[in-house]
Amino acid sequence: TNNFSGLIVPILNPEGLYVGWQYRLDHAPKL
């Protein structure tokens, strides 16, 4: 659903499963 330019940063749990992610935005000076 993202409309952003940047990287997806996956978040792993102890079992090595992806439980979520954040977007690392290319062009965002504050957030």
Full PDB file with SEQRES, HELIX, SHEET, SSBOND, CRYST1, ORIGX, SCALE, CONECT and MASTER records, all heavy atoms in Angstrom:
SEQRES   1 A   31  THR ASN ASN PHE SER GLY LEU ILE VAL PRO ILE LEU ASN          
SEQRES   2 A   31  PRO GLU GLY LEU TYR VAL GLY TRP GLN TYR ARG LEU ASP          
SEQRES   3 A   31  HIS ALA PRO LYS LEU                                          
SHEET    1 AA1 2 GLY A   6  LEU A  12  0                                        
SHEET    2 AA1 2 TYR A  18  LEU A  25 -1                                        
CRYST1    1.000    1.000    1.000  90.00  90.00  90.00 P 1           1          
ORIGX1      1.000000  0.000000  0.000000        0.00000                         
ORIGX2      0.000000  1.000000  0.000000        0.00000                         
ORIGX3      0.000000  0.000000  1.000000        0.00000                         
SCALE1      1.000000  0.000000  0.000000        0.00000                         
SCALE2      0.000000  1.000000  0.000000        0.00000                         
SCALE3      0.000000  0.000000  1.000000        0.00000                         
ATOM      1  N   THR A   1       0.805  -1.224   0.000  1.00  0.00           N  
ATOM      2  CA  THR A   1       0.000   0.000   0.000  1.00  0.00           C  
ATOM      3  C   THR A   1       0.836   1.270   0.000  1.00  0.00           C  
ATOM      4  O   THR A   1       0.278   2.353  -0.007  1.00  0.00           O  
ATOM      5  CB  THR A   1      -0.914   0.031   1.242  1.00  0.00           C  
ATOM      6  OG1 THR A   1      -0.102  -0.007   2.408  1.00  0.00           O  
ATOM      7  CG2 THR A   1      -1.893  -1.128   1.234  1.00  0.00           C  
ATOM      8  N   ASN A   2       2.152   1.138   0.002  1.00  0.00           N  
ATOM      9  CA  ASN A   2       2.985   2.334   0.128  1.00  0.00           C  
ATOM     10  C   ASN A   2       2.969   3.168  -1.144  1.00  0.00           C  
ATOM     11  O   ASN A   2       2.882   2.658  -2.248  1.00  0.00           O  
ATOM     12  CB  ASN A   2       4.425   1.967   0.489  1.00  0.00           C  
ATOM     13  CG  ASN A   2       5.149   1.262  -0.634  1.00  0.00           C  
ATOM     14  OD1 ASN A   2       4.610   0.363  -1.259  1.00  0.00           O  
ATOM     15  ND2 ASN A   2       6.365   1.678  -0.890  1.00  0.00           N  
ATOM     16  N   ASN A   3       3.073   4.456  -0.942  1.00  0.00           N  
ATOM     17  CA  ASN A   3       3.200   5.411  -2.041  1.00  0.00           C  
ATOM     18  C   ASN A   3       4.473   6.215  -1.863  1.00  0.00           C  
ATOM     19  O   ASN A   3       4.527   7.376  -2.225  1.00  0.00           O  
ATOM     20  CB  ASN A   3       1.993   6.357  -2.058  1.00  0.00           C  
ATOM     21  CG  ASN A   3       0.706   5.629  -2.325  1.00  0.00           C  
ATOM     22  OD1 ASN A   3       0.649   4.772  -3.199  1.00  0.00           O  
ATOM     23  ND2 ASN A   3      -0.329   5.951  -1.570  1.00  0.00           N  
ATOM     24  N   PHE A   4       5.478   5.584  -1.284  1.00  0.00           N  
ATOM     25  CA  PHE A   4       6.686   6.293  -0.914  1.00  0.00           C  
ATOM     26  C   PHE A   4       7.882   5.744  -1.674  1.00  0.00           C  
ATOM     27  O   PHE A   4       7.920   4.579  -2.033  1.00  0.00           O  
ATOM     28  CB  PHE A   4       6.964   6.139   0.589  1.00  0.00           C  
ATOM     29  CG  PHE A   4       5.762   6.367   1.451  1.00  0.00           C  
ATOM     30  CD1 PHE A   4       5.134   5.309   2.075  1.00  0.00           C  
ATOM     31  CD2 PHE A   4       5.255   7.641   1.629  1.00  0.00           C  
ATOM     32  CE1 PHE A   4       4.020   5.506   2.871  1.00  0.00           C  
ATOM     33  CE2 PHE A   4       4.143   7.856   2.421  1.00  0.00           C  
ATOM     34  CZ  PHE A   4       3.526   6.784   3.043  1.00  0.00           C  
ATOM     35  N   SER A   5       8.866   6.601  -1.841  1.00  0.00           N  
ATOM     36  CA  SER A   5      10.138   6.171  -2.393  1.00  0.00           C  
ATOM     37  C   SER A   5      11.086   5.900  -1.230  1.00  0.00           C  
ATOM     38  O   SER A   5      11.256   6.744  -0.359  1.00  0.00           O  
ATOM     39  CB  SER A   5      10.707   7.282  -3.280  1.00  0.00           C  
ATOM     40  OG  SER A   5      12.011   6.971  -3.680  1.00  0.00           O  
ATOM     41  N   GLY A   6      11.651   4.692  -1.203  1.00  0.00           N  
ATOM     42  CA  GLY A   6      12.560   4.363  -0.127  1.00  0.00           C  
ATOM     43  C   GLY A   6      12.769   2.869  -0.014  1.00  0.00           C  
ATOM     44  O   GLY A   6      12.496   2.119  -0.949  1.00  0.00           O  
ATOM     45  N   LEU A   7      13.249   2.447   1.133  1.00  0.00           N  
ATOM     46  CA  LEU A   7      13.523   1.039   1.402  1.00  0.00           C  
ATOM     47  C   LEU A   7      12.493   0.470   2.354  1.00  0.00           C  
ATOM     48  O   LEU A   7      11.981   1.169   3.216  1.00  0.00           O  
ATOM     49  CB  LEU A   7      14.895   0.889   2.075  1.00  0.00           C  
ATOM     50  CG  LEU A   7      16.118   1.334   1.311  1.00  0.00           C  
ATOM     51  CD1 LEU A   7      17.339   1.313   2.225  1.00  0.00           C  
ATOM     52  CD2 LEU A   7      16.347   0.415   0.133  1.00  0.00           C  
ATOM     53  N   ILE A   8      12.249  -0.821   2.216  1.00  0.00           N  
ATOM     54  CA  ILE A   8      11.450  -1.526   3.208  1.00  0.00           C  
ATOM     55  C   ILE A   8      12.433  -2.176   4.173  1.00  0.00           C  
ATOM     56  O   ILE A   8      13.357  -2.876   3.778  1.00  0.00           O  
ATOM     57  CB  ILE A   8      10.549  -2.577   2.547  1.00  0.00           C  
ATOM     58  CG1 ILE A   8       9.454  -1.869   1.739  1.00  0.00           C  
ATOM     59  CG2 ILE A   8       9.956  -3.511   3.589  1.00  0.00           C  
ATOM     60  CD1 ILE A   8       8.530  -2.801   0.993  1.00  0.00           C  
ATOM     61  N   VAL A   9      12.235  -1.911   5.467  1.00  0.00           N  
ATOM     62  CA  VAL A   9      13.093  -2.456   6.510  1.00  0.00           C  
ATOM     63  C   VAL A   9      12.287  -3.516   7.269  1.00  0.00           C  
ATOM     64  O   VAL A   9      11.421  -3.181   8.080  1.00  0.00           O  
ATOM     65  CB  VAL A   9      13.568  -1.351   7.482  1.00  0.00           C  
ATOM     66  CG1 VAL A   9      14.477  -1.921   8.554  1.00  0.00           C  
ATOM     67  CG2 VAL A   9      14.256  -0.230   6.716  1.00  0.00           C  
ATOM     68  N   PRO A  10      12.547  -4.802   6.982  1.00  0.00           N  
ATOM     69  CA  PRO A  10      11.777  -5.857   7.646  1.00  0.00           C  
ATOM     70  C   PRO A  10      12.187  -6.025   9.100  1.00  0.00           C  
ATOM     71  O   PRO A  10      13.320  -5.733   9.476  1.00  0.00           O  
ATOM     72  CB  PRO A  10      12.129  -7.108   6.832  1.00  0.00           C  
ATOM     73  CG  PRO A  10      13.451  -6.815   6.240  1.00  0.00           C  
ATOM     74  CD  PRO A  10      13.518  -5.323   6.039  1.00  0.00           C  
ATOM     75  N   ILE A  11      11.250  -6.504   9.903  1.00  0.00           N  
ATOM     76  CA  ILE A  11      11.482  -6.724  11.327  1.00  0.00           C  
ATOM     77  C   ILE A  11      11.298  -8.213  11.604  1.00  0.00           C  
ATOM     78  O   ILE A  11      10.242  -8.777  11.317  1.00  0.00           O  
ATOM     79  CB  ILE A  11      10.508  -5.890  12.177  1.00  0.00           C  
ATOM     80  CG1 ILE A  11      10.685  -4.403  11.848  1.00  0.00           C  
ATOM     81  CG2 ILE A  11      10.733  -6.155  13.667  1.00  0.00           C  
ATOM     82  CD1 ILE A  11       9.610  -3.508  12.401  1.00  0.00           C  
ATOM     83  N   LEU A  12      12.360  -8.826  12.143  1.00  0.00           N  
ATOM     84  CA  LEU A  12      12.353 -10.261  12.417  1.00  0.00           C  
ATOM     85  C   LEU A  12      12.099 -10.552  13.890  1.00  0.00           C  
ATOM     86  O   LEU A  12      12.553  -9.813  14.760  1.00  0.00           O  
ATOM     87  CB  LEU A  12      13.699 -10.878  12.031  1.00  0.00           C  
ATOM     88  CG  LEU A  12      14.092 -10.820  10.563  1.00  0.00           C  
ATOM     89  CD1 LEU A  12      15.535 -11.243  10.381  1.00  0.00           C  
ATOM     90  CD2 LEU A  12      13.172 -11.690   9.741  1.00  0.00           C  
ATOM     91  N   ASN A  13      11.424 -11.665  14.144  1.00  0.00           N  
ATOM     92  CA  ASN A  13      11.259 -12.133  15.517  1.00  0.00           C  
ATOM     93  C   ASN A  13      12.335 -13.177  15.818  1.00  0.00           C  
ATOM     94  O   ASN A  13      13.163 -13.483  14.948  1.00  0.00           O  
ATOM     95  CB  ASN A  13       9.835 -12.657  15.736  1.00  0.00           C  
ATOM     96  CG  ASN A  13       9.546 -13.961  15.028  1.00  0.00           C  
ATOM     97  OD1 ASN A  13      10.408 -14.607  14.444  1.00  0.00           O  
ATOM     98  ND2 ASN A  13       8.280 -14.367  15.074  1.00  0.00           N  
ATOM     99  N   PRO A  14      12.379 -13.757  17.017  1.00  0.00           N  
ATOM    100  CA  PRO A  14      13.439 -14.722  17.358  1.00  0.00           C  
ATOM    101  C   PRO A  14      13.460 -15.975  16.480  1.00  0.00           C  
ATOM    102  O   PRO A  14      14.500 -16.617  16.344  1.00  0.00           O  
ATOM    103  CB  PRO A  14      13.137 -15.093  18.816  1.00  0.00           C  
ATOM    104  CG  PRO A  14      12.368 -13.948  19.356  1.00  0.00           C  
ATOM    105  CD  PRO A  14      11.576 -13.420  18.198  1.00  0.00           C  
ATOM    106  N   GLU A  15      12.329 -16.302  15.876  1.00  0.00           N  
ATOM    107  CA  GLU A  15      12.266 -17.476  15.007  1.00  0.00           C  
ATOM    108  C   GLU A  15      12.669 -17.142  13.572  1.00  0.00           C  
ATOM    109  O   GLU A  15      12.621 -18.000  12.696  1.00  0.00           O  
ATOM    110  CB  GLU A  15      10.850 -18.074  15.029  1.00  0.00           C  
ATOM    111  CG  GLU A  15      10.505 -18.765  16.341  1.00  0.00           C  
ATOM    112  CD  GLU A  15      10.233 -17.791  17.491  1.00  0.00           C  
ATOM    113  OE1 GLU A  15       9.630 -16.725  17.256  1.00  0.00           O  
ATOM    114  OE2 GLU A  15      10.655 -18.097  18.621  1.00  0.00           O  
ATOM    115  N   GLY A  16      13.050 -15.897  13.311  1.00  0.00           N  
ATOM    116  CA  GLY A  16      13.458 -15.474  11.976  1.00  0.00           C  
ATOM    117  C   GLY A  16      12.288 -15.181  11.053  1.00  0.00           C  
ATOM    118  O   GLY A  16      12.466 -15.081   9.845  1.00  0.00           O  
ATOM    119  N   LEU A  17      11.092 -15.005  11.609  1.00  0.00           N  
ATOM    120  CA  LEU A  17       9.908 -14.699  10.810  1.00  0.00           C  
ATOM    121  C   LEU A  17       9.704 -13.191  10.756  1.00  0.00           C  
ATOM    122  O   LEU A  17       9.960 -12.478  11.723  1.00  0.00           O  
ATOM    123  CB  LEU A  17       8.673 -15.367  11.414  1.00  0.00           C  
ATOM    124  CG  LEU A  17       8.708 -16.880  11.540  1.00  0.00           C  
ATOM    125  CD1 LEU A  17       7.480 -17.385  12.286  1.00  0.00           C  
ATOM    126  CD2 LEU A  17       8.813 -17.527  10.168  1.00  0.00           C  
ATOM    127  N   TYR A  18       9.212 -12.716   9.623  1.00  0.00           N  
ATOM    128  CA  TYR A  18       8.915 -11.295   9.474  1.00  0.00           C  
ATOM    129  C   TYR A  18       7.608 -10.985  10.200  1.00  0.00           C  
ATOM    130  O   TYR A  18       6.584 -11.604   9.927  1.00  0.00           O  
ATOM    131  CB  TYR A  18       8.808 -10.906   8.000  1.00  0.00           C  
ATOM    132  CG  TYR A  18      10.101 -11.094   7.252  1.00  0.00           C  
ATOM    133  CD1 TYR A  18      10.258 -12.124   6.329  1.00  0.00           C  
ATOM    134  CD2 TYR A  18      11.176 -10.257   7.490  1.00  0.00           C  
ATOM    135  CE1 TYR A  18      11.451 -12.306   5.660  1.00  0.00           C  
ATOM    136  CE2 TYR A  18      12.382 -10.430   6.827  1.00  0.00           C  
ATOM    137  CZ  TYR A  18      12.506 -11.457   5.913  1.00  0.00           C  
ATOM    138  OH  TYR A  18      13.689 -11.635   5.257  1.00  0.00           O  
ATOM    139  N   VAL A  19       7.651 -10.033  11.118  1.00  0.00           N  
ATOM    140  CA  VAL A  19       6.467  -9.675  11.879  1.00  0.00           C  
ATOM    141  C   VAL A  19       5.985  -8.264  11.567  1.00  0.00           C  
ATOM    142  O   VAL A  19       4.981  -7.814  12.116  1.00  0.00           O  
ATOM    143  CB  VAL A  19       6.705  -9.827  13.393  1.00  0.00           C  
ATOM    144  CG1 VAL A  19       6.890 -11.290  13.757  1.00  0.00           C  
ATOM    145  CG2 VAL A  19       7.887  -8.995  13.865  1.00  0.00           C  
ATOM    146  N   GLY A  20       6.669  -7.586  10.693  1.00  0.00           N  
ATOM    147  CA  GLY A  20       6.287  -6.245  10.292  1.00  0.00           C  
ATOM    148  C   GLY A  20       7.419  -5.583   9.548  1.00  0.00           C  
ATOM    149  O   GLY A  20       8.449  -6.202   9.283  1.00  0.00           O  
ATOM    150  N   TRP A  21       7.192  -4.337   9.184  1.00  0.00           N  
ATOM    151  CA  TRP A  21       8.256  -3.571   8.537  1.00  0.00           C  
ATOM    152  C   TRP A  21       7.981  -2.089   8.649  1.00  0.00           C  
ATOM    153  O   TRP A  21       6.880  -1.658   8.970  1.00  0.00           O  
ATOM    154  CB  TRP A  21       8.461  -3.961   7.086  1.00  0.00           C  
ATOM    155  CG  TRP A  21       7.351  -3.634   6.137  1.00  0.00           C  
ATOM    156  CD1 TRP A  21       7.068  -2.417   5.573  1.00  0.00           C  
ATOM    157  CD2 TRP A  21       6.382  -4.523   5.611  1.00  0.00           C  
ATOM    158  NE1 TRP A  21       5.996  -2.507   4.737  1.00  0.00           N  
ATOM    159  CE2 TRP A  21       5.556  -3.803   4.736  1.00  0.00           C  
ATOM    160  CE3 TRP A  21       6.128  -5.877   5.778  1.00  0.00           C  
ATOM    161  CZ2 TRP A  21       4.498  -4.375   4.052  1.00  0.00           C  
ATOM    162  CZ3 TRP A  21       5.072  -6.445   5.090  1.00  0.00           C  
ATOM    163  CH2 TRP A  21       4.277  -5.701   4.242  1.00  0.00           C  
ATOM    164  N   GLN A  22       9.037  -1.349   8.397  1.00  0.00           N  
ATOM    165  CA  GLN A  22       8.958   0.099   8.307  1.00  0.00           C  
ATOM    166  C   GLN A  22       9.482   0.517   6.941  1.00  0.00           C  
ATOM    167  O   GLN A  22      10.250  -0.210   6.308  1.00  0.00           O  
ATOM    168  CB  GLN A  22       9.804   0.764   9.389  1.00  0.00           C  
ATOM    169  CG  GLN A  22       9.250   0.590  10.785  1.00  0.00           C  
ATOM    170  CD  GLN A  22      10.086   1.359  11.785  1.00  0.00           C  
ATOM    171  OE1 GLN A  22      11.220   1.008  12.041  1.00  0.00           O  
ATOM    172  NE2 GLN A  22       9.504   2.411  12.360  1.00  0.00           N  
ATOM    173  N   TYR A  23       9.036   1.682   6.507  1.00  0.00           N  
ATOM    174  CA  TYR A  23       9.566   2.283   5.283  1.00  0.00           C  
ATOM    175  C   TYR A  23      10.642   3.278   5.680  1.00  0.00           C  
ATOM    176  O   TYR A  23      10.417   4.133   6.538  1.00  0.00           O  
ATOM    177  CB  TYR A  23       8.470   3.043   4.519  1.00  0.00           C  
ATOM    178  CG  TYR A  23       7.298   2.203   4.119  1.00  0.00           C  
ATOM    179  CD1 TYR A  23       6.075   2.325   4.756  1.00  0.00           C  
ATOM    180  CD2 TYR A  23       7.408   1.283   3.077  1.00  0.00           C  
ATOM    181  CE1 TYR A  23       4.994   1.566   4.384  1.00  0.00           C  
ATOM    182  CE2 TYR A  23       6.331   0.509   2.697  1.00  0.00           C  
ATOM    183  CZ  TYR A  23       5.117   0.653   3.352  1.00  0.00           C  
ATOM    184  OH  TYR A  23       4.050  -0.107   2.982  1.00  0.00           O  
ATOM    185  N   ARG A  24      11.806   3.154   5.075  1.00  0.00           N  
ATOM    186  CA  ARG A  24      12.882   4.138   5.255  1.00  0.00           C  
ATOM    187  C   ARG A  24      12.770   5.074   4.064  1.00  0.00           C  
ATOM    188  O   ARG A  24      13.095   4.699   2.928  1.00  0.00           O  
ATOM    189  CB  ARG A  24      14.232   3.439   5.315  1.00  0.00           C  
ATOM    190  CG  ARG A  24      15.486   4.321   5.245  1.00  0.00           C  
ATOM    191  CD  ARG A  24      15.492   5.446   6.262  1.00  0.00           C  
ATOM    192  NE  ARG A  24      16.782   6.049   6.423  1.00  0.00           N  
ATOM    193  CZ  ARG A  24      17.150   7.208   5.853  1.00  0.00           C  
ATOM    194  NH1 ARG A  24      16.322   7.856   5.065  1.00  0.00           N  
ATOM    195  NH2 ARG A  24      18.332   7.706   6.095  1.00  0.00           N  
ATOM    196  N   LEU A  25      12.234   6.261   4.294  1.00  0.00           N  
ATOM    197  CA  LEU A  25      11.917   7.179   3.214  1.00  0.00           C  
ATOM    198  C   LEU A  25      13.167   7.831   2.634  1.00  0.00           C  
ATOM    199  O   LEU A  25      14.093   8.185   3.365  1.00  0.00           O  
ATOM    200  CB  LEU A  25      10.951   8.253   3.704  1.00  0.00           C  
ATOM    201  CG  LEU A  25       9.652   7.732   4.325  1.00  0.00           C  
ATOM    202  CD1 LEU A  25       8.821   8.893   4.857  1.00  0.00           C  
ATOM    203  CD2 LEU A  25       8.863   6.923   3.324  1.00  0.00           C  
ATOM    204  N   ASP A  26      13.167   7.985   1.304  1.00  0.00           N  
ATOM    205  CA  ASP A  26      14.289   8.627   0.626  1.00  0.00           C  
ATOM    206  C   ASP A  26      14.356  10.129   0.905  1.00  0.00           C  
ATOM    207  O   ASP A  26      15.420  10.680   1.126  1.00  0.00           O  
ATOM    208  CB  ASP A  26      14.183   8.436  -0.897  1.00  0.00           C  
ATOM    209  CG  ASP A  26      14.593   7.061  -1.340  1.00  0.00           C  
ATOM    210  OD1 ASP A  26      15.309   6.373  -0.589  1.00  0.00           O  
ATOM    211  OD2 ASP A  26      14.186   6.669  -2.452  1.00  0.00           O  
ATOM    212  N   HIS A  27      13.212  10.779   0.853  1.00  0.00           N  
ATOM    213  CA  HIS A  27      13.196  12.238   0.918  1.00  0.00           C  
ATOM    214  C   HIS A  27      12.274  12.708   2.035  1.00  0.00           C  
ATOM    215  O   HIS A  27      11.133  13.078   1.798  1.00  0.00           O  
ATOM    216  CB  HIS A  27      12.742  12.837  -0.409  1.00  0.00           C  
ATOM    217  CG  HIS A  27      13.531  12.343  -1.573  1.00  0.00           C  
ATOM    218  ND1 HIS A  27      14.832  12.724  -1.795  1.00  0.00           N  
ATOM    219  CD2 HIS A  27      13.243  11.463  -2.551  1.00  0.00           C  
ATOM    220  CE1 HIS A  27      15.295  12.121  -2.872  1.00  0.00           C  
ATOM    221  NE2 HIS A  27      14.344  11.334  -3.350  1.00  0.00           N  
ATOM    222  N   ALA A  28      12.775  12.677   3.252  1.00  0.00           N  
ATOM    223  CA  ALA A  28      11.992  13.145   4.391  1.00  0.00           C  
ATOM    224  C   ALA A  28      12.956  13.674   5.439  1.00  0.00           C  
ATOM    225  O   ALA A  28      13.542  12.914   6.190  1.00  0.00           O  
ATOM    226  CB  ALA A  28      11.162  11.995   4.960  1.00  0.00           C  
ATOM    227  N   PRO A  29      13.131  14.994   5.496  1.00  0.00           N  
ATOM    228  CA  PRO A  29      14.127  15.560   6.404  1.00  0.00           C  
ATOM    229  C   PRO A  29      13.816  15.324   7.881  1.00  0.00           C  
ATOM    230  O   PRO A  29      14.724  15.215   8.690  1.00  0.00           O  
ATOM    231  CB  PRO A  29      14.104  17.048   6.074  1.00  0.00           C  
ATOM    232  CG  PRO A  29      12.825  17.288   5.365  1.00  0.00           C  
ATOM    233  CD  PRO A  29      12.428  16.002   4.727  1.00  0.00           C  
ATOM    234  N   LYS A  30      12.549  15.235   8.281  1.00  0.00           N  
ATOM    235  CA  LYS A  30      12.220  15.090   9.701  1.00  0.00           C  
ATOM    236  C   LYS A  30      11.802  13.664  10.049  1.00  0.00           C  
ATOM    237  O   LYS A  30      12.393  13.044  10.902  1.00  0.00           O  
ATOM    238  CB  LYS A  30      11.134  16.079  10.087  1.00  0.00           C  
ATOM    239  CG  LYS A  30      11.612  17.514   9.967  1.00  0.00           C  
ATOM    240  CD  LYS A  30      10.724  18.457  10.696  1.00  0.00           C  
ATOM    241  CE  LYS A  30      11.195  19.863  10.407  1.00  0.00           C  
ATOM    242  NZ  LYS A  30      11.445  20.647  11.518  1.00  0.00           N  
ATOM    243  N   LEU A  31      10.797  13.147   9.407  1.00  0.00           N  
ATOM    244  CA  LEU A  31      10.300  11.803   9.685  1.00  0.00           C  
ATOM    245  C   LEU A  31      10.855  10.855   8.628  1.00  0.00           C  
ATOM    246  O   LEU A  31      10.405  10.859   7.496  1.00  0.00           O  
ATOM    247  CB  LEU A  31       8.767  11.783   9.667  1.00  0.00           C  
ATOM    248  CG  LEU A  31       8.108  10.459   9.993  1.00  0.00           C  
ATOM    249  CD1 LEU A  31       8.408  10.039  11.417  1.00  0.00           C  
ATOM    250  CD2 LEU A  31       6.610  10.564   9.785  1.00  0.00           C  
TER     251      LEU A  31                                                      
MASTER        0    0    0    0    2    0    0    6  250    1    0    3          
END                                                                             
